[in-house]
Amino acid sequence: MLAILFLGAASGFPNQITESALQAWLKDAGVSLTTIGVMSYVALPYLLKFLWAPLIDRYPLPWLGRRRGWILAMQVAL
């Protein structure tokens, strides 16, 4: 159980480092604080993955199986 806790923390650590560095870089570049704040919404799907991940695991798309179907659908959506 402790290993799962450490793996969960380690998976979010790069995201936090990237966001902090990006915010500092944008501030030094003269980007407005409003724009920097709006850009933080990019991390929202990652932060809320505990809500949508069970749906993806439970409901497979009718083509390409459970995982591949969702991967293809999300790539097309991007």
Protein backbone atom coordinates (compact mmCIF):
# COMPACT_ATOMS: atom_id res chain seq x y z
CA MET A 1 0.00 0.00 0.00
CA LEU A 2 2.88 2.33 0.73
CA ALA A 3 4.29 1.70 -2.74
CA ILE A 4 0.99 2.77 -4.30
CA LEU A 5 1.08 5.98 -2.27
CA PHE A 6 4.59 6.78 -3.47
CA LEU A 7 3.75 5.96 -7.08
CA GLY A 8 0.71 8.24 -6.94
CA ALA A 9 2.76 11.09 -5.52
CA ALA A 10 5.51 10.51 -8.08
CA SER A 11 3.03 10.65 -10.96
CA GLY A 12 1.87 14.13 -9.95
CA PHE A 13 5.30 15.53 -9.14
CA PRO A 14 6.40 16.27 -12.75
CA ASN A 15 3.12 18.08 -13.38
CA GLN A 16 3.67 20.36 -10.39
CA ILE A 17 7.27 21.11 -11.36
CA THR A 18 6.24 21.88 -14.94
CA GLU A 19 3.45 24.20 -13.86
CA SER A 20 5.65 26.09 -11.41
CA ALA A 21 8.45 26.53 -13.93
CA LEU A 22 6.02 27.54 -16.68
CA GLN A 23 4.35 30.16 -14.49
CA ALA A 24 7.71 31.68 -13.53
CA TRP A 25 8.88 31.68 -17.14
CA LEU A 26 5.70 33.34 -18.38
CA LYS A 27 5.87 35.97 -15.63
CA ASP A 28 9.47 36.78 -16.61
CA ALA A 29 8.36 37.02 -20.24
CA GLY A 30 5.82 39.70 -19.31
CA VAL A 31 2.64 37.67 -19.77
CA SER A 32 -0.29 39.04 -17.76
CA LEU A 33 -1.33 37.26 -14.58
CA THR A 34 -4.82 36.74 -16.00
CA THR A 35 -3.43 34.81 -18.96
CA ILE A 36 -1.21 32.72 -16.70
CA GLY A 37 -4.20 31.93 -14.49
CA VAL A 38 -6.34 30.88 -17.46
CA MET A 39 -3.54 28.62 -18.71
CA SER A 40 -3.65 26.73 -15.42
CA TYR A 41 -6.96 25.21 -16.59
CA VAL A 42 -4.90 22.96 -18.87
CA ALA A 43 -4.12 20.79 -15.82
CA LEU A 44 -7.79 20.42 -14.89
CA PRO A 45 -8.37 17.07 -16.68
CA TYR A 46 -5.33 15.62 -14.91
CA LEU A 47 -6.54 16.87 -11.55
CA LEU A 48 -10.02 15.42 -12.08
CA LYS A 49 -8.92 12.08 -13.52
CA PHE A 50 -10.26 10.26 -10.46
CA LEU A 51 -13.75 11.26 -11.67
CA TRP A 52 -13.53 10.29 -15.34
CA ALA A 53 -11.12 7.33 -15.16
CA PRO A 54 -13.71 4.88 -13.75
CA LEU A 55 -16.05 5.72 -16.64
CA ILE A 56 -13.36 4.91 -19.18
CA ASP A 57 -12.60 1.64 -17.40
CA ARG A 58 -16.25 0.64 -17.11
CA TYR A 59 -17.69 1.58 -20.52
CA PRO A 60 -15.72 0.36 -23.53
CA LEU A 61 -16.30 1.93 -26.92
CA PRO A 62 -17.74 -0.50 -29.49
CA TRP A 63 -14.61 -0.60 -31.65
CA LEU A 64 -11.00 -1.62 -30.97
CA GLY A 65 -11.62 -2.91 -27.45
CA ARG A 66 -11.69 -1.14 -24.12
CA ARG A 67 -8.44 0.84 -24.04
CA ARG A 68 -7.64 1.31 -27.73
CA GLY A 69 -11.09 2.65 -28.50
CA TRP A 70 -10.78 5.37 -25.86
CA ILE A 71 -7.23 6.21 -26.92
CA LEU A 72 -8.32 6.65 -30.53
CA ALA A 73 -11.39 8.70 -29.55
CA MET A 74 -9.32 11.05 -27.37
CA GLN A 75 -6.66 11.48 -30.07
CA VAL A 76 -9.35 12.44 -32.57
CA ALA A 77 -10.86 14.85 -30.01
CA LEU A 78 -7.51 16.56 -29.54
